Amino acid sequence: VRAAESELRRAKEEVTERLAEAYSDLLRIARTRASAAARLAQVVQLVTQVARQTEAGKLSELDLQQAQNAELDAELTSNTLESEYQSTLVRLRLLAGGELSEDLVEFSLDHTSPRDTTRNAALQVAQARATAAQLRVRTLAATLAPKIDLNVRQLLNNHTTPPQTTVQQRGWSIGVSWDMPLGGENFARRDESISRSAQAQSDVERAELAARAEFESLTPRIANLRHAVSNLTTQESKMAQLVRASNIQFEAGRRNLQQIIQSWDSYFNLQQRLHEQRHKLFLAQMRQLSLAGQLLESVGLAP
């Protein structure tokens, strides 16, 4: 029973992990899609502005073509992300087995703090199997002891001809048998159960080592990803101010067209990196919670 319960918990954690990974990927694409849409809107506005200045003779036709090429590139990126978003949404719906709202909810696992892998589902399954295998090992006394069979018989219906005797209608008997211990079947079965128990125990040690090794390897990775997200968030805020200043300088004629397009592209690339690092951080945190056996509790699905 314990092994079955652990197997069920492991299956729930695996399903939860796949769903959470797909949802986090959808959030990443949604964030990047929003950034791409904002970039496209800026470039469209820029093309209109450059077209007016070209008609007024302030900019050349080459400047207008450069702005239009930037618009095509931004539009292609936006369309690609929209297609990727829709396909990821379909995949998530299939995993969830039903319709999902497109109103995405932001969430994080920064509040969690997994400690160790003692509650790891795979480890608990291996431990339950090892316990069951150990219980199947018969002691030497049980192997050598005689077998006693008790047979009780009671007739409930009697319509036979001729009528049955009393012995045939009811009775009981005891039989005792003893296998001569000549190193045969009984000892072979005991040796086999001992080997199976040893194998099950080695599976426990292997599962424990694998879970602990992966768990501990994720700790520095999570720390590095948190540091990267923090730095990129700060850079994103500063870059947003720089882009706004560049727009004002371009309108005042202090920045050329190439510089303003490059600033927008750099800002979008920075945002894209930030979204990707957040996604990677979430996956690493989720995996560590799963290894610690705390994933279901962290997402509110604990039994």
C-alpha atoms as a PDB file:
ATOM      1  CA  VAL A   1       0.000   0.000   0.000  1.00  0.00           C
ATOM      2  CA  ARG A   2       2.794   2.386   0.883  1.00  0.00           C
ATOM      3  CA  ALA A   3       4.528   1.731  -2.438  1.00  0.00           C
ATOM      4  CA  ALA A   4       1.266   2.304  -4.336  1.00  0.00           C
ATOM      5  CA  GLU A   5       0.679   5.596  -2.509  1.00  0.00           C
ATOM      6  CA  SER A   6       4.220   6.739  -3.301  1.00  0.00           C
ATOM      7  CA  GLU A   7       3.773   5.756  -6.947  1.00  0.00           C
ATOM      8  CA  LEU A   8       0.561   7.788  -7.086  1.00  0.00           C
ATOM      9  CA  ARG A   9       2.292  10.792  -5.567  1.00  0.00           C
ATOM     10  CA  ARG A  10       5.161  10.504  -8.033  1.00  0.00           C
ATOM     11  CA  ALA A  11       2.704  10.334 -10.948  1.00  0.00           C
ATOM     12  CA  LYS A  12       0.912  13.452  -9.680  1.00  0.00           C
ATOM     13  CA  GLU A  13       4.215  15.298  -9.349  1.00  0.00           C
ATOM     14  CA  GLU A  14       5.264  14.343 -12.875  1.00  0.00           C
ATOM     15  CA  VAL A  15       1.959  15.573 -14.325  1.00  0.00           C
ATOM     16  CA  THR A  16       2.149  18.756 -12.259  1.00  0.00           C
ATOM     17  CA  GLU A  17       5.714  19.363 -13.400  1.00  0.00           C
ATOM     18  CA  ARG A  18       4.777  18.992 -17.069  1.00  0.00           C
ATOM     19  CA  LEU A  19       1.787  21.318 -16.691  1.00  0.00           C
ATOM     20  CA  ALA A  20       3.773  23.932 -14.778  1.00  0.00           C
ATOM     21  CA  GLU A  21       6.584  23.800 -17.332  1.00  0.00           C
ATOM     22  CA  ALA A  22       4.146  24.324 -20.204  1.00  0.00           C
ATOM     23  CA  TYR A  23       2.431  27.180 -18.363  1.00  0.00           C
ATOM     24  CA  SER A  24       5.745  28.865 -17.563  1.00  0.00           C
ATOM     25  CA  ASP A  25       6.742  28.553 -21.213  1.00  0.00           C
ATOM     26  CA  LEU A  26       3.432  30.159 -22.180  1.00  0.00           C
ATOM     27  CA  LEU A  27       4.124  33.021 -19.766  1.00  0.00           C
ATOM     28  CA  ARG A  28       7.589  33.502 -21.258  1.00  0.00           C
ATOM     29  CA  ILE A  29       6.191  33.695 -24.774  1.00  0.00           C
ATOM     30  CA  ALA A  30       3.360  35.996 -23.661  1.00  0.00           C
ATOM     31  CA  ARG A  31       5.826  38.416 -22.071  1.00  0.00           C
ATOM     32  CA  THR A  32       8.071  38.358 -25.139  1.00  0.00           C
ATOM     33  CA  ARG A  33       5.046  38.780 -27.405  1.00  0.00           C
ATOM     34  CA  ALA A  34       3.991  41.877 -25.479  1.00  0.00           C
ATOM     35  CA  SER A  35       7.507  43.310 -25.802  1.00  0.00           C
ATOM     36  CA  ALA A  36       7.520  42.564 -29.538  1.00  0.00           C
ATOM     37  CA  ALA A  37       4.104  44.206 -29.971  1.00  0.00           C
ATOM     38  CA  ALA A  38       5.328  47.361 -28.208  1.00  0.00           C
ATOM     39  CA  ARG A  39       8.427  47.411 -30.400  1.00  0.00           C
ATOM     40  CA  LEU A  40       6.313  46.993 -33.546  1.00  0.00           C
ATOM     41  CA  ALA A  41       4.046  49.873 -32.517  1.00  0.00           C
ATOM     42  CA  GLN A  42       7.097  52.100 -32.027  1.00  0.00           C
ATOM     43  CA  VAL A  43       8.549  51.172 -35.421  1.00  0.00           C
ATOM     44  CA  VAL A  44       5.209  51.764 -37.184  1.00  0.00           C
ATOM     45  CA  GLN A  45       5.055  55.201 -35.618  1.00  0.00           C
ATOM     46  CA  LEU A  46       8.664  55.788 -36.651  1.00  0.00           C
ATOM     47  CA  VAL A  47       7.922  54.886 -40.288  1.00  0.00           C
ATOM     48  CA  THR A  48       5.077  57.413 -40.338  1.00  0.00           C
ATOM     49  CA  GLN A  49       7.335  60.053 -38.842  1.00  0.00           C
ATOM     50  CA  VAL A  50      10.191  59.317 -41.268  1.00  0.00           C
ATOM     51  CA  ALA A  51       7.772  59.378 -44.221  1.00  0.00           C
ATOM     52  CA  ARG A  52       6.642  62.887 -43.260  1.00  0.00           C
ATOM     53  CA  GLN A  53      10.229  64.068 -42.883  1.00  0.00           C
ATOM     54  CA  THR A  54      11.145  62.494 -46.225  1.00  0.00           C
ATOM     55  CA  GLU A  55       8.315  64.378 -47.926  1.00  0.00           C
ATOM     56  CA  ALA A  56       9.567  67.546 -46.276  1.00  0.00           C
ATOM     57  CA  GLY A  57      13.068  66.877 -47.570  1.00  0.00           C
ATOM     58  CA  LYS A  58      14.618  66.463 -44.127  1.00  0.00           C
ATOM     59  CA  LEU A  59      15.413  62.752 -44.648  1.00  0.00           C
ATOM     60  CA  SER A  60      16.321  60.725 -47.716  1.00  0.00           C
ATOM     61  CA  GLU A  61      14.553  57.833 -49.386  1.00  0.00           C
ATOM     62  CA  LEU A  62      17.242  55.530 -47.975  1.00  0.00           C
ATOM     63  CA  ASP A  63      16.199  56.563 -44.475  1.00  0.00           C
ATOM     64  CA  LEU A  64      12.599  55.702 -45.285  1.00  0.00           C
ATOM     65  CA  GLN A  65      13.625  52.300 -46.676  1.00  0.00           C
ATOM     66  CA  GLN A  66      15.676  51.637 -43.545  1.00  0.00           C
ATOM     67  CA  ALA A  67      12.685  52.424 -41.347  1.00  0.00           C
ATOM     68  CA  GLN A  68      10.425  50.230 -43.474  1.00  0.00           C
ATOM     69  CA  ASN A  69      12.903  47.337 -43.235  1.00  0.00           C
ATOM     70  CA  ALA A  70      12.911  47.736 -39.462  1.00  0.00           C
ATOM     71  CA  GLU A  71       9.116  47.594 -39.545  1.00  0.00           C
ATOM     72  CA  LEU A  72       9.160  44.363 -41.569  1.00  0.00           C
ATOM     73  CA  ASP A  73      11.635  42.792 -39.145  1.00  0.00           C
ATOM     74  CA  ALA A  74       9.556  43.810 -36.116  1.00  0.00           C
ATOM     75  CA  GLU A  75       6.373  42.552 -37.771  1.00  0.00           C
ATOM     76  CA  LEU A  76       7.968  39.191 -38.609  1.00  0.00           C
ATOM     77  CA  THR A  77       9.163  38.771 -35.021  1.00  0.00           C
ATOM     78  CA  SER A  78       5.732  39.674 -33.669  1.00  0.00           C
ATOM     79  CA  ASN A  79       3.945  37.235 -35.995  1.00  0.00           C
ATOM     80  CA  THR A  80       6.374  34.440 -35.138  1.00  0.00           C
ATOM     81  CA  LEU A  81       5.786  34.945 -31.424  1.00  0.00           C
ATOM     82  CA  GLU A  82       2.022  35.024 -31.947  1.00  0.00           C
ATOM     83  CA  SER A  83       2.166  31.693 -33.766  1.00  0.00           C
ATOM     84  CA  GLU A  84       4.397  30.225 -31.065  1.00  0.00           C
ATOM     85  CA  TYR A  85       2.014  31.477 -28.380  1.00  0.00           C
ATOM     86  CA  GLN A  86      -1.027  29.866 -30.005  1.00  0.00           C
ATOM     87  CA  SER A  87       0.720  26.511 -30.485  1.00  0.00           C
ATOM     88  CA  THR A  88       1.940  26.516 -26.875  1.00  0.00           C
ATOM     89  CA  LEU A  89      -1.576  27.371 -25.680  1.00  0.00           C
ATOM     90  CA  VAL A  90      -2.982  24.408 -27.624  1.00  0.00           C
ATOM     91  CA  ARG A  91      -0.342  22.125 -26.100  1.00  0.00           C
ATOM     92  CA  LEU A  92      -1.195  23.338 -22.605  1.00  0.00           C
ATOM     93  CA  ARG A  93      -4.903  22.748 -23.210  1.00  0.00           C
ATOM     94  CA  LEU A  94      -4.192  19.199 -24.327  1.00  0.00           C
ATOM     95  CA  LEU A  95      -2.104  18.556 -21.217  1.00  0.00           C
ATOM     96  CA  ALA A  96      -4.806  20.038 -18.988  1.00  0.00           C
ATOM     97  CA  GLY A  97      -7.543  18.113 -20.779  1.00  0.00           C
ATOM     98  CA  GLY A  98      -9.884  21.067 -21.268  1.00  0.00           C
ATOM     99  CA  GLU A  99     -10.363  24.714 -22.146  1.00  0.00           C
ATOM    100  CA  LEU A 100      -8.198  27.321 -20.439  1.00  0.00           C
ATOM    101  CA  SER A 101      -8.651  31.018 -19.944  1.00  0.00           C
ATOM    102  CA  GLU A 102      -6.213  33.236 -21.819  1.00  0.00           C
ATOM    103  CA  ASP A 103      -6.016  35.556 -18.801  1.00  0.00           C
ATOM    104  CA  LEU A 104      -2.585  34.498 -17.599  1.00  0.00           C
ATOM    105  CA  VAL A 105      -1.692  34.821 -13.929  1.00  0.00           C
ATOM    106  CA  GLU A 106       1.873  35.642 -12.953  1.00  0.00           C
ATOM    107  CA  PHE A 107       3.341  33.489 -10.204  1.00  0.00           C
ATOM    108  CA  SER A 108       6.735  32.557  -8.841  1.00  0.00           C
ATOM    109  CA  LEU A 109       8.354  30.030  -6.528  1.00  0.00           C
ATOM    110  CA  ASP A 110      10.707  32.475  -4.814  1.00  0.00           C
ATOM    111  CA  HIS A 111       8.881  31.984  -1.506  1.00  0.00           C
ATOM    112  CA  THR A 112       9.768  28.287  -1.378  1.00  0.00           C
ATOM    113  CA  SER A 113      12.810  26.830   0.380  1.00  0.00           C
ATOM    114  CA  PRO A 114      13.282  23.072  -0.183  1.00  0.00           C
ATOM    115  CA  ARG A 115      15.648  21.528   2.339  1.00  0.00           C
ATOM    116  CA  ASP A 116      16.497  17.943   1.412  1.00  0.00           C
ATOM    117  CA  THR A 117      15.316  14.926  -0.587  1.00  0.00           C
ATOM    118  CA  THR A 118      13.948  12.766   2.221  1.00  0.00           C
ATOM    119  CA  ARG A 119      10.417  13.194   0.833  1.00  0.00           C
ATOM    120  CA  ASN A 120      11.428  12.497  -2.761  1.00  0.00           C
ATOM    121  CA  ALA A 121       8.680  10.412  -4.380  1.00  0.00           C
ATOM    122  CA  ALA A 122      11.010   8.099  -6.310  1.00  0.00           C
ATOM    123  CA  LEU A 123      13.059   7.525  -3.161  1.00  0.00           C
ATOM    124  CA  GLN A 124       9.954   6.719  -1.126  1.00  0.00           C
ATOM    125  CA  VAL A 125       8.811   4.241  -3.778  1.00  0.00           C
ATOM    126  CA  ALA A 126      12.198   2.502  -3.638  1.00  0.00           C
ATOM    127  CA  GLN A 127      12.118   2.457   0.176  1.00  0.00           C
ATOM    128  CA  ALA A 128       8.626   0.933   0.239  1.00  0.00           C
ATOM    129  CA  ARG A 129       9.676  -1.760  -2.218  1.00  0.00           C
ATOM    130  CA  ALA A 130      12.806  -2.495  -0.198  1.00  0.00           C
ATOM    131  CA  THR A 131      10.730  -2.872   2.968  1.00  0.00           C
ATOM    132  CA  ALA A 132       8.341  -5.247   1.216  1.00  0.00           C
ATOM    133  CA  ALA A 133      11.243  -7.259  -0.197  1.00  0.00           C
ATOM    134  CA  GLN A 134      12.790  -7.546   3.262  1.00  0.00           C
ATOM    135  CA  LEU A 135       9.515  -8.838   4.706  1.00  0.00           C
ATOM    136  CA  ARG A 136       9.441 -11.578   2.059  1.00  0.00           C
ATOM    137  CA  VAL A 137      12.729 -13.022   3.333  1.00  0.00           C
ATOM    138  CA  ARG A 138      11.860 -16.050   5.466  1.00  0.00           C
ATOM    139  CA  THR A 139      13.893 -16.790   8.525  1.00  0.00           C
ATOM    140  CA  LEU A 140      15.936 -19.965   8.660  1.00  0.00           C
ATOM    141  CA  ALA A 141      13.584 -21.390  11.298  1.00  0.00           C
ATOM    142  CA  ALA A 142      10.562 -20.731   9.095  1.00  0.00           C
ATOM    143  CA  THR A 143      12.333 -22.375   6.177  1.00  0.00           C
ATOM    144  CA  LEU A 144      13.092 -25.552   8.155  1.00  0.00           C
ATOM    145  CA  ALA A 145       9.829 -25.726  10.124  1.00  0.00           C
ATOM    146  CA  PRO A 146       7.223 -28.351   9.143  1.00  0.00           C
ATOM    147  CA  LYS A 147       4.042 -27.316   7.359  1.00  0.00           C
ATOM    148  CA  ILE A 148       0.673 -27.815   9.086  1.00  0.00           C
ATOM    149  CA  ASP A 149      -2.526 -27.928   7.029  1.00  0.00           C
ATOM    150  CA  LEU A 150      -5.996 -27.770   8.644  1.00  0.00           C
ATOM    151  CA  ASN A 151      -8.948 -28.969   6.579  1.00  0.00           C
ATOM    152  CA  VAL A 152     -12.551 -28.433   7.776  1.00  0.00           C
ATOM    153  CA  ARG A 153     -15.556 -29.722   5.811  1.00  0.00           C
ATOM    154  CA  GLN A 154     -19.294 -29.076   6.403  1.00  0.00           C
ATOM    155  CA  LEU A 155     -22.003 -30.180   3.953  1.00  0.00           C
ATOM    156  CA  LEU A 156     -24.749 -27.525   3.546  1.00  0.00           C
ATOM    157  CA  ASN A 157     -27.093 -29.413   1.217  1.00  0.00           C
ATOM    158  CA  ASN A 158     -27.831 -33.166   1.130  1.00  0.00           C
ATOM    159  CA  HIS A 159     -29.907 -34.468  -1.798  1.00  0.00           C
ATOM    160  CA  THR A 160     -27.648 -37.283  -2.874  1.00  0.00           C
ATOM    161  CA  THR A 161     -28.718 -40.884  -3.339  1.00  0.00           C
ATOM    162  CA  PRO A 162     -27.765 -42.949  -1.413  1.00  0.00           C
ATOM    163  CA  PRO A 163     -27.451 -40.584   1.601  1.00  0.00           C
ATOM    164  CA  GLN A 164     -23.913 -39.680   2.630  1.00  0.00           C
ATOM    165  CA  THR A 165     -22.357 -40.973   5.774  1.00  0.00           C
ATOM    166  CA  THR A 166     -21.513 -38.716   8.698  1.00  0.00           C
ATOM    167  CA  VAL A 167     -17.878 -38.681   7.658  1.00  0.00           C
ATOM    168  CA  GLN A 168     -18.841 -37.495   4.212  1.00  0.00           C
ATOM    169  CA  GLN A 169     -21.205 -34.788   5.526  1.00  0.00           C
ATOM    170  CA  ARG A 170     -18.846 -33.133   7.989  1.00  0.00           C
ATOM    171  CA  GLY A 171     -15.414 -33.576   9.367  1.00  0.00           C
ATOM    172  CA  TRP A 172     -11.991 -32.042   9.872  1.00  0.00           C
ATOM    173  CA  SER A 173      -8.434 -33.180   9.568  1.00  0.00           C
ATOM    174  CA  ILE A 174      -4.907 -31.957  10.256  1.00  0.00           C
ATOM    175  CA  GLY A 175      -1.934 -32.775   8.086  1.00  0.00           C
ATOM    176  CA  VAL A 176       1.714 -32.219   8.934  1.00  0.00           C
ATOM    177  CA  SER A 177       4.496 -32.335   6.335  1.00  0.00           C
ATOM    178  CA  TRP A 178       8.194 -31.605   6.516  1.00  0.00           C
ATOM    179  CA  ASP A 179      10.608 -31.168   3.650  1.00  0.00           C
ATOM    180  CA  MET A 180      13.972 -32.789   4.227  1.00  0.00           C
ATOM    181  CA  PRO A 181      16.521 -29.895   4.183  1.00  0.00           C
ATOM    182  CA  LEU A 182      18.822 -31.225   1.511  1.00  0.00           C
ATOM    183  CA  GLY A 183      19.682 -27.830   0.029  1.00  0.00           C
ATOM    184  CA  GLY A 184      16.838 -27.898  -2.434  1.00  0.00           C
ATOM    185  CA  GLU A 185      13.846 -25.718  -3.239  1.00  0.00           C
ATOM    186  CA  ASN A 186      13.267 -24.094   0.166  1.00  0.00           C
ATOM    187  CA  PHE A 187      16.828 -22.820   0.486  1.00  0.00           C
ATOM    188  CA  ALA A 188      16.803 -21.678  -3.141  1.00  0.00           C
ATOM    189  CA  ARG A 189      13.657 -19.630  -2.542  1.00  0.00           C
ATOM    190  CA  ARG A 190      15.150 -18.085   0.578  1.00  0.00           C
ATOM    191  CA  ASP A 191      18.380 -17.216  -1.236  1.00  0.00           C
ATOM    192  CA  GLU A 192      16.352 -15.652  -4.045  1.00  0.00           C
ATOM    193  CA  SER A 193      14.341 -13.503  -1.622  1.00  0.00           C
ATOM    194  CA  ILE A 194      17.571 -12.383   0.070  1.00  0.00           C
ATOM    195  CA  SER A 195      19.023 -11.390  -3.301  1.00  0.00           C
ATOM    196  CA  ARG A 196      15.854  -9.491  -4.216  1.00  0.00           C
ATOM    197  CA  SER A 197      15.963  -7.667  -0.891  1.00  0.00           C
ATOM    198  CA  ALA A 198      19.597  -6.696  -1.450  1.00  0.00           C
ATOM    199  CA  GLN A 199      18.748  -5.477  -4.948  1.00  0.00           C
ATOM    200  CA  ALA A 200      15.852  -3.408  -3.607  1.00  0.00           C
ATOM    201  CA  GLN A 201      18.129  -1.851  -1.001  1.00  0.00           C
ATOM    202  CA  SER A 202      20.674  -0.957  -3.669  1.00  0.00           C
ATOM    203  CA  ASP A 203      17.839   0.688  -5.626  1.00  0.00           C
ATOM    204  CA  VAL A 204      17.125   2.812  -2.551  1.00  0.00           C
ATOM    205  CA  GLU A 205      20.752   3.902  -2.323  1.00  0.00           C
ATOM    206  CA  ARG A 206      20.869   4.651  -6.036  1.00  0.00           C
ATOM    207  CA  ALA A 207      17.628   6.683  -5.932  1.00  0.00           C
ATOM    208  CA  GLU A 208      18.838   8.594  -2.881  1.00  0.00           C
ATOM    209  CA  LEU A 209      22.193   9.394  -4.475  1.00  0.00           C
ATOM    210  CA  ALA A 210      20.643  10.488  -7.780  1.00  0.00           C
ATOM    211  CA  ALA A 211      18.059  12.722  -6.100  1.00  0.00           C
ATOM    212  CA  ARG A 212      20.583  14.317  -3.744  1.00  0.00           C
ATOM    213  CA  ALA A 213      23.140  14.907  -6.517  1.00  0.00           C
ATOM    214  CA  GLU A 214      20.635  16.657  -8.782  1.00  0.00           C
ATOM    215  CA  PHE A 215      19.115  18.568  -5.857  1.00  0.00           C
ATOM    216  CA  GLU A 216      22.469  19.934  -4.719  1.00  0.00           C
ATOM    217  CA  SER A 217      23.565  20.772  -8.273  1.00  0.00           C
ATOM    218  CA  LEU A 218      20.482  22.967  -8.690  1.00  0.00           C
ATOM    219  CA  THR A 219      21.300  25.161  -5.686  1.00  0.00           C
ATOM    220  CA  PRO A 220      24.173  27.134  -7.316  1.00  0.00           C
ATOM    221  CA  ARG A 221      22.279  27.215 -10.611  1.00  0.00           C
ATOM    222  CA  ILE A 222      19.260  28.795  -8.925  1.00  0.00           C
ATOM    223  CA  ALA A 223      21.508  31.326  -7.179  1.00  0.00           C
ATOM    224  CA  ASN A 224      23.137  32.277 -10.497  1.00  0.00           C
ATOM    225  CA  LEU A 225      19.774  32.588 -12.234  1.00  0.00           C
ATOM    226  CA  ARG A 226      18.411  34.786  -9.451  1.00  0.00           C
ATOM    227  CA  HIS A 227      21.460  37.014  -9.764  1.00  0.00           C
ATOM    228  CA  ALA A 228      21.014  37.170 -13.544  1.00  0.00           C
ATOM    229  CA  VAL A 229      17.311  38.039 -13.252  1.00  0.00           C
ATOM    230  CA  SER A 230      18.098  40.768 -10.727  1.00  0.00           C
ATOM    231  CA  ASN A 231      20.793  42.282 -12.958  1.00  0.00           C
ATOM    232  CA  LEU A 232      18.667  42.076 -16.093  1.00  0.00           C
ATOM    233  CA  THR A 233      15.722  43.680 -14.296  1.00  0.00           C
ATOM    234  CA  THR A 234      17.935  46.606 -13.310  1.00  0.00           C
ATOM    235  CA  GLN A 235      19.323  46.855 -16.841  1.00  0.00           C
ATOM    236  CA  GLU A 236      15.822  46.716 -18.307  1.00  0.00           C
ATOM    237  CA  SER A 237      14.723  49.659 -16.170  1.00  0.00           C
ATOM    238  CA  LYS A 238      17.762  51.714 -17.160  1.00  0.00           C
ATOM    239  CA  MET A 239      17.402  50.749 -20.818  1.00  0.00           C
ATOM    240  CA  ALA A 240      13.765  51.877 -20.816  1.00  0.00           C
ATOM    241  CA  GLN A 241      14.890  55.321 -19.662  1.00  0.00           C
ATOM    242  CA  LEU A 242      17.601  55.360 -22.329  1.00  0.00           C
ATOM    243  CA  VAL A 243      15.086  54.486 -25.069  1.00  0.00           C
ATOM    244  CA  ARG A 244      12.757  57.280 -23.972  1.00  0.00           C
ATOM    245  CA  ALA A 245      15.661  59.722 -23.997  1.00  0.00           C
ATOM    246  CA  SER A 246      16.734  58.487 -27.450  1.00  0.00           C
ATOM    247  CA  ASN A 247      13.230  59.090 -28.805  1.00  0.00           C
ATOM    248  CA  ILE A 248      13.296  62.674 -27.557  1.00  0.00           C
ATOM    249  CA  GLN A 249      16.780  63.225 -28.976  1.00  0.00           C
ATOM    250  CA  PHE A 250      15.725  61.808 -32.350  1.00  0.00           C
ATOM    251  CA  GLU A 251      12.766  64.158 -32.536  1.00  0.00           C
ATOM    252  CA  ALA A 252      15.140  67.012 -31.692  1.00  0.00           C
ATOM    253  CA  GLY A 253      17.531  65.916 -34.446  1.00  0.00           C
ATOM    254  CA  ARG A 254      20.316  64.902 -32.077  1.00  0.00           C
ATOM    255  CA  ARG A 255      20.068  61.171 -32.920  1.00  0.00           C
ATOM    256  CA  ASN A 256      20.012  59.610 -36.355  1.00  0.00           C
ATOM    257  CA  LEU A 257      17.648  56.921 -37.599  1.00  0.00           C
ATOM    258  CA  GLN A 258      20.150  54.079 -37.234  1.00  0.00           C
ATOM    259  CA  GLN A 259      20.789  54.936 -33.592  1.00  0.00           C
ATOM    260  CA  ILE A 260      17.106  55.011 -32.648  1.00  0.00           C
ATOM    261  CA  ILE A 261      16.439  51.661 -34.358  1.00  0.00           C
ATOM    262  CA  GLN A 262      19.441  50.092 -32.644  1.00  0.00           C
ATOM    263  CA  SER A 263      18.279  51.333 -29.241  1.00  0.00           C
ATOM    264  CA  TRP A 264      14.861  49.739 -29.753  1.00  0.00           C
ATOM    265  CA  ASP A 265      16.396  46.459 -30.932  1.00  0.00           C
ATOM    266  CA  SER A 266      18.774  46.388 -27.954  1.00  0.00           C
ATOM    267  CA  TYR A 267      15.901  47.051 -25.573  1.00  0.00           C
ATOM    268  CA  PHE A 268      13.812  44.239 -27.073  1.00  0.00           C
ATOM    269  CA  ASN A 269      16.744  41.792 -26.954  1.00  0.00           C
ATOM    270  CA  LEU A 270      17.332  42.687 -23.302  1.00  0.00           C
ATOM    271  CA  GLN A 271      13.670  42.094 -22.477  1.00  0.00           C
ATOM    272  CA  GLN A 272      13.778  38.761 -24.294  1.00  0.00           C
ATOM    273  CA  ARG A 273      16.805  37.665 -22.257  1.00  0.00           C
ATOM    274  CA  LEU A 274      15.055  38.695 -19.052  1.00  0.00           C
ATOM    275  CA  HIS A 275      11.961  36.644 -19.911  1.00  0.00           C
ATOM    276  CA  GLU A 276      14.095  33.606 -20.762  1.00  0.00           C
ATOM    277  CA  GLN A 277      16.084  33.822 -17.520  1.00  0.00           C
ATOM    278  CA  ARG A 278      12.879  34.069 -15.494  1.00  0.00           C
ATOM    279  CA  HIS A 279      11.584  30.968 -17.243  1.00  0.00           C
ATOM    280  CA  LYS A 280      14.816  29.070 -16.559  1.00  0.00           C
ATOM    281  CA  LEU A 281      14.752  30.152 -12.915  1.00  0.00           C
ATOM    282  CA  PHE A 282      11.198  28.902 -12.509  1.00  0.00           C
ATOM    283  CA  LEU A 283      12.047  25.533 -14.080  1.00  0.00           C
ATOM    284  CA  ALA A 284      15.081  25.083 -11.825  1.00  0.00           C
ATOM    285  CA  GLN A 285      13.078  25.986  -8.713  1.00  0.00           C
ATOM    286  CA  MET A 286      10.253  23.680  -9.738  1.00  0.00           C
ATOM    287  CA  ARG A 287      12.639  20.794 -10.358  1.00  0.00           C
ATOM    288  CA  GLN A 288      14.272  21.251  -6.971  1.00  0.00           C
ATOM    289  CA  LEU A 289      10.865  21.295  -5.281  1.00  0.00           C
ATOM    290  CA  SER A 290       9.949  18.099  -7.114  1.00  0.00           C
ATOM    291  CA  LEU A 291      13.167  16.429  -5.968  1.00  0.00           C
ATOM    292  CA  ALA A 292      12.379  17.510  -2.408  1.00  0.00           C
ATOM    293  CA  GLY A 293       8.832  16.159  -2.623  1.00  0.00           C
ATOM    294  CA  GLN A 294       7.343  19.626  -2.016  1.00  0.00           C
ATOM    295  CA  LEU A 295       6.029  20.503  -5.469  1.00  0.00           C
ATOM    296  CA  LEU A 296       2.390  19.588  -4.844  1.00  0.00           C
ATOM    297  CA  GLU A 297       2.288  21.627  -1.629  1.00  0.00           C
ATOM    298  CA  SER A 298       3.926  24.619  -3.331  1.00  0.00           C
ATOM    299  CA  VAL A 299       1.264  24.817  -6.052  1.00  0.00           C
ATOM    300  CA  GLY A 300      -1.638  24.057  -3.726  1.00  0.00           C
ATOM    301  CA  LEU A 301      -2.294  20.476  -4.857  1.00  0.00           C
ATOM    302  CA  ALA A 302      -1.292  18.611  -1.717  1.00  0.00           C
ATOM    303  CA  PRO A 303      -3.758  15.853  -0.735  1.00  0.00           C
END
